[in-house]
Amino acid sequence: MNLEQLRKQAKELVRAARAGDADALARLDGREPILARAQLVVAREHGYASWPSLVVAVEASAETFVLAATNGQLA
């Protein structure tokens, strides 16, 4: 997962809901289309309880990848 792509998905969800898109409004469960709520929806759709939990998981995955790719050498 790419954090920047997830951020874009949340912003696109807000834009779509504000434009009256039925699917976007349904994903937001009829709630006000604000970024924080859209981030929560995106996080839950990926299996996380909150946006911060998703961010931590994505960042941990990136760090794990770098460590594996460099044989554990950060320098």
PDB file of N, CA and C in Angstrom:
ATOM      1  N   MET A   1       0.832  -1.184   0.000  1.00  0.00           N
ATOM      2  CA  MET A   1       0.000   0.000   0.000  1.00  0.00           C
ATOM      3  C   MET A   1       0.875   1.246   0.000  1.00  0.00           C
ATOM      4  N   ASN A   2       0.427   2.234  -0.699  1.00  0.00           N
ATOM      5  CA  ASN A   2       1.132   3.494  -0.816  1.00  0.00           C
ATOM      6  C   ASN A   2       0.330   4.557  -0.079  1.00  0.00           C
ATOM      7  N   LEU A   3       0.930   5.197   0.892  1.00  0.00           N
ATOM      8  CA  LEU A   3       0.228   6.177   1.721  1.00  0.00           C
ATOM      9  C   LEU A   3      -0.285   7.353   0.892  1.00  0.00           C
ATOM     10  N   GLU A   4       0.513   7.803  -0.048  1.00  0.00           N
ATOM     11  CA  GLU A   4       0.085   8.929  -0.893  1.00  0.00           C
ATOM     12  C   GLU A   4      -1.148   8.544  -1.711  1.00  0.00           C
ATOM     13  N   GLN A   5      -1.176   7.340  -2.225  1.00  0.00           N
ATOM     14  CA  GLN A   5      -2.335   6.872  -2.986  1.00  0.00           C
ATOM     15  C   GLN A   5      -3.578   6.781  -2.098  1.00  0.00           C
ATOM     16  N   LEU A   6      -3.396   6.328  -0.877  1.00  0.00           N
ATOM     17  CA  LEU A   6      -4.522   6.255   0.062  1.00  0.00           C
ATOM     18  C   LEU A   6      -5.056   7.646   0.391  1.00  0.00           C
ATOM     19  N   ARG A   7      -4.161   8.616   0.535  1.00  0.00           N
ATOM     20  CA  ARG A   7      -4.589   9.996   0.775  1.00  0.00           C
ATOM     21  C   ARG A   7      -5.407  10.514  -0.406  1.00  0.00           C
ATOM     22  N   LYS A   8      -4.939  10.208  -1.611  1.00  0.00           N
ATOM     23  CA  LYS A   8      -5.667  10.631  -2.810  1.00  0.00           C
ATOM     24  C   LYS A   8      -7.043   9.980  -2.859  1.00  0.00           C
ATOM     25  N   GLN A   9      -7.131   8.716  -2.473  1.00  0.00           N
ATOM     26  CA  GLN A   9      -8.426   8.028  -2.458  1.00  0.00           C
ATOM     27  C   GLN A   9      -9.400   8.725  -1.516  1.00  0.00           C
ATOM     28  N   ALA A  10      -8.915   9.127  -0.351  1.00  0.00           N
ATOM     29  CA  ALA A  10      -9.774   9.807   0.618  1.00  0.00           C
ATOM     30  C   ALA A  10     -10.240  11.157   0.066  1.00  0.00           C
ATOM     31  N   LYS A  11      -9.334  11.900  -0.557  1.00  0.00           N
ATOM     32  CA  LYS A  11      -9.702  13.194  -1.129  1.00  0.00           C
ATOM     33  C   LYS A  11     -10.699  13.023  -2.276  1.00  0.00           C
ATOM     34  N   GLU A  12     -10.497  11.999  -3.096  1.00  0.00           N
ATOM     35  CA  GLU A  12     -11.422  11.731  -4.192  1.00  0.00           C
ATOM     36  C   GLU A  12     -12.803  11.345  -3.660  1.00  0.00           C
ATOM     37  N   LEU A  13     -12.830  10.627  -2.558  1.00  0.00           N
ATOM     38  CA  LEU A  13     -14.100  10.247  -1.941  1.00  0.00           C
ATOM     39  C   LEU A  13     -14.859  11.497  -1.486  1.00  0.00           C
ATOM     40  N   VAL A  14     -14.155  12.436  -0.881  1.00  0.00           N
ATOM     41  CA  VAL A  14     -14.782  13.685  -0.446  1.00  0.00           C
ATOM     42  C   VAL A  14     -15.331  14.444  -1.647  1.00  0.00           C
ATOM     43  N   ARG A  15     -14.508  14.585  -2.700  1.00  0.00           N
ATOM     44  CA  ARG A  15     -14.956  15.311  -3.890  1.00  0.00           C
ATOM     45  C   ARG A  15     -16.190  14.664  -4.504  1.00  0.00           C
ATOM     46  N   ALA A  16     -16.163  13.357  -4.619  1.00  0.00           N
ATOM     47  CA  ALA A  16     -17.287  12.640  -5.220  1.00  0.00           C
ATOM     48  C   ALA A  16     -18.554  12.808  -4.385  1.00  0.00           C
ATOM     49  N   ALA A  17     -18.428  12.711  -3.078  1.00  0.00           N
ATOM     50  CA  ALA A  17     -19.593  12.858  -2.206  1.00  0.00           C
ATOM     51  C   ALA A  17     -20.163  14.269  -2.293  1.00  0.00           C
ATOM     52  N   ARG A  18     -19.294  15.258  -2.325  1.00  0.00           N
ATOM     53  CA  ARG A  18     -19.756  16.650  -2.439  1.00  0.00           C
ATOM     54  C   ARG A  18     -20.438  16.908  -3.781  1.00  0.00           C
ATOM     55  N   ALA A  19     -20.034  16.128  -4.791  1.00  0.00           N
ATOM     56  CA  ALA A  19     -20.648  16.260  -6.121  1.00  0.00           C
ATOM     57  C   ALA A  19     -21.954  15.481  -6.215  1.00  0.00           C
ATOM     58  N   GLY A  20     -22.300  14.757  -5.146  1.00  0.00           N
ATOM     59  CA  GLY A  20     -23.560  14.028  -5.120  1.00  0.00           C
ATOM     60  C   GLY A  20     -23.509  12.601  -5.606  1.00  0.00           C
ATOM     61  N   ASP A  21     -22.308  12.044  -5.767  1.00  0.00           N
ATOM     62  CA  ASP A  21     -22.166  10.659  -6.217  1.00  0.00           C
ATOM     63  C   ASP A  21     -22.783   9.703  -5.192  1.00  0.00           C
ATOM     64  N   ALA A  22     -23.727   8.904  -5.655  1.00  0.00           N
ATOM     65  CA  ALA A  22     -24.465   8.014  -4.750  1.00  0.00           C
ATOM     66  C   ALA A  22     -23.564   6.995  -4.070  1.00  0.00           C
ATOM     67  N   ASP A  23     -22.615   6.430  -4.802  1.00  0.00           N
ATOM     68  CA  ASP A  23     -21.708   5.435  -4.207  1.00  0.00           C
ATOM     69  C   ASP A  23     -20.834   6.056  -3.120  1.00  0.00           C
ATOM     70  N   ALA A  24     -20.325   7.244  -3.396  1.00  0.00           N
ATOM     71  CA  ALA A  24     -19.485   7.932  -2.416  1.00  0.00           C
ATOM     72  C   ALA A  24     -20.295   8.272  -1.170  1.00  0.00           C
ATOM     73  N   LEU A  25     -21.504   8.755  -1.378  1.00  0.00           N
ATOM     74  CA  LEU A  25     -22.356   9.080  -0.231  1.00  0.00           C
ATOM     75  C   LEU A  25     -22.681   7.830   0.579  1.00  0.00           C
ATOM     76  N   ALA A  26     -22.889   6.717  -0.100  1.00  0.00           N
ATOM     77  CA  ALA A  26     -23.171   5.461   0.605  1.00  0.00           C
ATOM     78  C   ALA A  26     -21.950   5.008   1.406  1.00  0.00           C
ATOM     79  N   ARG A  27     -20.760   5.156   0.824  1.00  0.00           N
ATOM     80  CA  ARG A  27     -19.547   4.775   1.547  1.00  0.00           C
ATOM     81  C   ARG A  27     -19.376   5.600   2.814  1.00  0.00           C
ATOM     82  N   LEU A  28     -19.800   6.862   2.759  1.00  0.00           N
ATOM     83  CA  LEU A  28     -19.718   7.737   3.925  1.00  0.00           C
ATOM     84  C   LEU A  28     -20.920   7.564   4.846  1.00  0.00           C
ATOM     85  N   ASP A  29     -21.805   6.679   4.488  1.00  0.00           N
ATOM     86  CA  ASP A  29     -22.978   6.350   5.304  1.00  0.00           C
ATOM     87  C   ASP A  29     -23.841   7.578   5.587  1.00  0.00           C
ATOM     88  N   GLY A  30     -23.943   8.452   4.581  1.00  0.00           N
ATOM     89  CA  GLY A  30     -24.793   9.620   4.715  1.00  0.00           C
ATOM     90  C   GLY A  30     -24.238  10.720   5.592  1.00  0.00           C
ATOM     91  N   ARG A  31     -23.018  10.565   6.061  1.00  0.00           N
ATOM     92  CA  ARG A  31     -22.414  11.582   6.930  1.00  0.00           C
ATOM     93  C   ARG A  31     -21.773  12.688   6.095  1.00  0.00           C
ATOM     94  N   GLU A  32     -21.482  13.785   6.751  1.00  0.00           N
ATOM     95  CA  GLU A  32     -20.885  14.941   6.081  1.00  0.00           C
ATOM     96  C   GLU A  32     -19.571  14.549   5.388  1.00  0.00           C
ATOM     97  N   PRO A  33     -19.404  14.939   4.116  1.00  0.00           N
ATOM     98  CA  PRO A  33     -18.186  14.572   3.385  1.00  0.00           C
ATOM     99  C   PRO A  33     -16.996  15.474   3.736  1.00  0.00           C
ATOM    100  N   ILE A  34     -16.311  15.111   4.800  1.00  0.00           N
ATOM    101  CA  ILE A  34     -15.098  15.832   5.204  1.00  0.00           C
ATOM    102  C   ILE A  34     -13.935  14.850   5.131  1.00  0.00           C
ATOM    103  N   LEU A  35     -12.728  15.394   5.018  1.00  0.00           N
ATOM    104  CA  LEU A  35     -11.552  14.555   4.807  1.00  0.00           C
ATOM    105  C   LEU A  35     -11.343  13.536   5.923  1.00  0.00           C
ATOM    106  N   ALA A  36     -11.482  13.941   7.163  1.00  0.00           N
ATOM    107  CA  ALA A  36     -11.257  13.017   8.286  1.00  0.00           C
ATOM    108  C   ALA A  36     -12.188  11.810   8.202  1.00  0.00           C
ATOM    109  N   ARG A  37     -13.427  12.049   7.840  1.00  0.00           N
ATOM    110  CA  ARG A  37     -14.394  10.956   7.737  1.00  0.00           C
ATOM    111  C   ARG A  37     -14.047  10.050   6.546  1.00  0.00           C
ATOM    112  N   ALA A  38     -13.633  10.655   5.441  1.00  0.00           N
ATOM    113  CA  ALA A  38     -13.246   9.872   4.268  1.00  0.00           C
ATOM    114  C   ALA A  38     -12.013   9.026   4.572  1.00  0.00           C
ATOM    115  N   GLN A  39     -11.074   9.577   5.322  1.00  0.00           N
ATOM    116  CA  GLN A  39      -9.887   8.809   5.707  1.00  0.00           C
ATOM    117  C   GLN A  39     -10.277   7.610   6.561  1.00  0.00           C
ATOM    118  N   LEU A  40     -11.226   7.813   7.465  1.00  0.00           N
ATOM    119  CA  LEU A  40     -11.703   6.716   8.301  1.00  0.00           C
ATOM    120  C   LEU A  40     -12.337   5.630   7.444  1.00  0.00           C
ATOM    121  N   VAL A  41     -13.136   6.022   6.458  1.00  0.00           N
ATOM    122  CA  VAL A  41     -13.763   5.052   5.556  1.00  0.00           C
ATOM    123  C   VAL A  41     -12.699   4.258   4.809  1.00  0.00           C
ATOM    124  N   VAL A  42     -11.708   4.944   4.270  1.00  0.00           N
ATOM    125  CA  VAL A  42     -10.636   4.268   3.530  1.00  0.00           C
ATOM    126  C   VAL A  42      -9.893   3.302   4.451  1.00  0.00           C
ATOM    127  N   ALA A  43      -9.594   3.743   5.656  1.00  0.00           N
ATOM    128  CA  ALA A  43      -8.890   2.870   6.610  1.00  0.00           C
ATOM    129  C   ALA A  43      -9.709   1.629   6.913  1.00  0.00           C
ATOM    130  N   ARG A  44     -10.975   1.809   7.185  1.00  0.00           N
ATOM    131  CA  ARG A  44     -11.828   0.653   7.518  1.00  0.00           C
ATOM    132  C   ARG A  44     -11.994  -0.277   6.326  1.00  0.00           C
ATOM    133  N   GLU A  45     -12.044   0.265   5.125  1.00  0.00           N
ATOM    134  CA  GLU A  45     -12.141  -0.576   3.934  1.00  0.00           C
ATOM    135  C   GLU A  45     -10.881  -1.421   3.727  1.00  0.00           C
ATOM    136  N   HIS A  46      -9.781  -0.981   4.316  1.00  0.00           N
ATOM    137  CA  HIS A  46      -8.529  -1.748   4.245  1.00  0.00           C
ATOM    138  C   HIS A  46      -8.295  -2.587   5.500  1.00  0.00           C
ATOM    139  N   GLY A  47      -9.289  -2.625   6.386  1.00  0.00           N
ATOM    140  CA  GLY A  47      -9.213  -3.490   7.545  1.00  0.00           C
ATOM    141  C   GLY A  47      -8.623  -2.870   8.804  1.00  0.00           C
ATOM    142  N   TYR A  48      -8.527  -1.544   8.849  1.00  0.00           N
ATOM    143  CA  TYR A  48      -7.970  -0.874  10.016  1.00  0.00           C
ATOM    144  C   TYR A  48      -9.065  -0.103  10.742  1.00  0.00           C
ATOM    145  N   ALA A  49      -8.921   0.038  12.035  1.00  0.00           N
ATOM    146  CA  ALA A  49      -9.935   0.702  12.853  1.00  0.00           C
ATOM    147  C   ALA A  49      -9.909   2.216  12.700  1.00  0.00           C
ATOM    148  N   SER A  50      -8.766   2.764  12.281  1.00  0.00           N
ATOM    149  CA  SER A  50      -8.642   4.211  12.179  1.00  0.00           C
ATOM    150  C   SER A  50      -7.610   4.575  11.121  1.00  0.00           C
ATOM    151  N   TRP A  51      -7.628   5.844  10.708  1.00  0.00           N
ATOM    152  CA  TRP A  51      -6.633   6.334   9.753  1.00  0.00           C
ATOM    153  C   TRP A  51      -5.222   6.272  10.361  1.00  0.00           C
ATOM    154  N   PRO A  52      -5.018   6.701  11.610  1.00  0.00           N
ATOM    155  CA  PRO A  52      -3.678   6.587  12.189  1.00  0.00           C
ATOM    156  C   PRO A  52      -3.162   5.136  12.217  1.00  0.00           C
ATOM    157  N   SER A  53      -4.027   4.176  12.461  1.00  0.00           N
ATOM    158  CA  SER A  53      -3.612   2.772  12.456  1.00  0.00           C
ATOM    159  C   SER A  53      -3.148   2.352  11.061  1.00  0.00           C
ATOM    160  N   LEU A  54      -3.861   2.814  10.056  1.00  0.00           N
ATOM    161  CA  LEU A  54      -3.477   2.508   8.672  1.00  0.00           C
ATOM    162  C   LEU A  54      -2.134   3.140   8.342  1.00  0.00           C
ATOM    163  N   VAL A  55      -1.947   4.388   8.736  1.00  0.00           N
ATOM    164  CA  VAL A  55      -0.686   5.091   8.475  1.00  0.00           C
ATOM    165  C   VAL A  55       0.483   4.353   9.119  1.00  0.00           C
ATOM    166  N   VAL A  56       0.319   3.940  10.370  1.00  0.00           N
ATOM    167  CA  VAL A  56       1.380   3.209  11.074  1.00  0.00           C
ATOM    168  C   VAL A  56       1.715   1.916  10.333  1.00  0.00           C
ATOM    169  N   ALA A  57       0.695   1.202   9.889  1.00  0.00           N
ATOM    170  CA  ALA A  57       0.913  -0.066   9.186  1.00  0.00           C
ATOM    171  C   ALA A  57       1.638   0.150   7.859  1.00  0.00           C
ATOM    172  N   VAL A  58       1.239   1.171   7.128  1.00  0.00           N
ATOM    173  CA  VAL A  58       1.885   1.449   5.837  1.00  0.00           C
ATOM    174  C   VAL A  58       3.330   1.865   6.055  1.00  0.00           C
ATOM    175  N   GLU A  59       3.561   2.735   7.020  1.00  0.00           N
ATOM    176  CA  GLU A  59       4.931   3.170   7.295  1.00  0.00           C
ATOM    177  C   GLU A  59       5.786   2.026   7.808  1.00  0.00           C
ATOM    178  N   ALA A  60       5.237   1.147   8.602  1.00  0.00           N
ATOM    179  CA  ALA A  60       5.977  -0.013   9.102  1.00  0.00           C
ATOM    180  C   ALA A  60       6.331  -0.933   7.942  1.00  0.00           C
ATOM    181  N   SER A  61       5.426  -1.091   7.002  1.00  0.00           N
ATOM    182  CA  SER A  61       5.688  -1.943   5.846  1.00  0.00           C
ATOM    183  C   SER A  61       6.837  -1.379   5.018  1.00  0.00           C
ATOM    184  N   ALA A  62       6.873  -0.066   4.855  1.00  0.00           N
ATOM    185  CA  ALA A  62       7.949   0.563   4.091  1.00  0.00           C
ATOM    186  C   ALA A  62       9.288   0.371   4.795  1.00  0.00           C
ATOM    187  N   GLU A  63       9.287   0.547   6.117  1.00  0.00           N
ATOM    188  CA  GLU A  63      10.523   0.373   6.876  1.00  0.00           C
ATOM    189  C   GLU A  63      10.992  -1.078   6.800  1.00  0.00           C
ATOM    190  N   THR A  64      10.073  -2.018   6.913  1.00  0.00           N
ATOM    191  CA  THR A  64      10.410  -3.434   6.820  1.00  0.00           C
ATOM    192  C   THR A  64      11.010  -3.757   5.458  1.00  0.00           C
ATOM    193  N   PHE A  65      10.438  -3.185   4.404  1.00  0.00           N
ATOM    194  CA  PHE A  65      10.943  -3.407   3.058  1.00  0.00           C
ATOM    195  C   PHE A  65      12.371  -2.884   2.928  1.00  0.00           C
ATOM    196  N   VAL A  66      12.610  -1.669   3.405  1.00  0.00           N
ATOM    197  CA  VAL A  66      13.942  -1.075   3.308  1.00  0.00           C
ATOM    198  C   VAL A  66      14.953  -1.922   4.071  1.00  0.00           C
ATOM    199  N   LEU A  67      14.576  -2.346   5.273  1.00  0.00           N
ATOM    200  CA  LEU A  67      15.488  -3.174   6.058  1.00  0.00           C
ATOM    201  C   LEU A  67      15.792  -4.493   5.343  1.00  0.00           C
ATOM    202  N   ALA A  68      14.792  -5.100   4.764  1.00  0.00           N
ATOM    203  CA  ALA A  68      15.005  -6.355   4.047  1.00  0.00           C
ATOM    204  C   ALA A  68      15.863  -6.133   2.804  1.00  0.00           C
ATOM    205  N   ALA A  69      15.634  -5.037   2.114  1.00  0.00           N
ATOM    206  CA  ALA A  69      16.360  -4.767   0.877  1.00  0.00           C
ATOM    207  C   ALA A  69      17.809  -4.398   1.136  1.00  0.00           C
ATOM    208  N   THR A  70      18.105  -3.900   2.310  1.00  0.00           N
ATOM    209  CA  THR A  70      19.473  -3.475   2.619  1.00  0.00           C
ATOM    210  C   THR A  70      20.152  -4.431   3.608  1.00  0.00           C
ATOM    211  N   ASN A  71      19.577  -5.597   3.790  1.00  0.00           N
ATOM    212  CA  ASN A  71      20.117  -6.568   4.742  1.00  0.00           C
ATOM    213  C   ASN A  71      20.232  -6.005   6.148  1.00  0.00           C
ATOM    214  N   GLY A  72      19.269  -5.154   6.519  1.00  0.00           N
ATOM    215  CA  GLY A  72      19.240  -4.632   7.871  1.00  0.00           C
ATOM    216  C   GLY A  72      20.162  -3.446   8.113  1.00  0.00           C
ATOM    217  N   GLN A  73      20.787  -2.943   7.075  1.00  0.00           N
ATOM    218  CA  GLN A  73      21.702  -1.817   7.242  1.00  0.00           C
ATOM    219  C   GLN A  73      20.990  -0.514   6.911  1.00  0.00           C
ATOM    220  N   LEU A  74      20.830   0.337   7.911  1.00  0.00           N
ATOM    221  CA  LEU A  74      20.144   1.609   7.697  1.00  0.00           C
ATOM    222  C   LEU A  74      21.069   2.692   7.142  1.00  0.00           C
ATOM    223  N   ALA A  75      22.344   2.572   7.363  1.00  0.00           N
ATOM    224  CA  ALA A  75      23.283   3.619   6.931  1.00  0.00           C
ATOM    225  C   ALA A  75      23.578   3.546   5.449  1.00  0.00           C
TER     226      ALA A  75
END
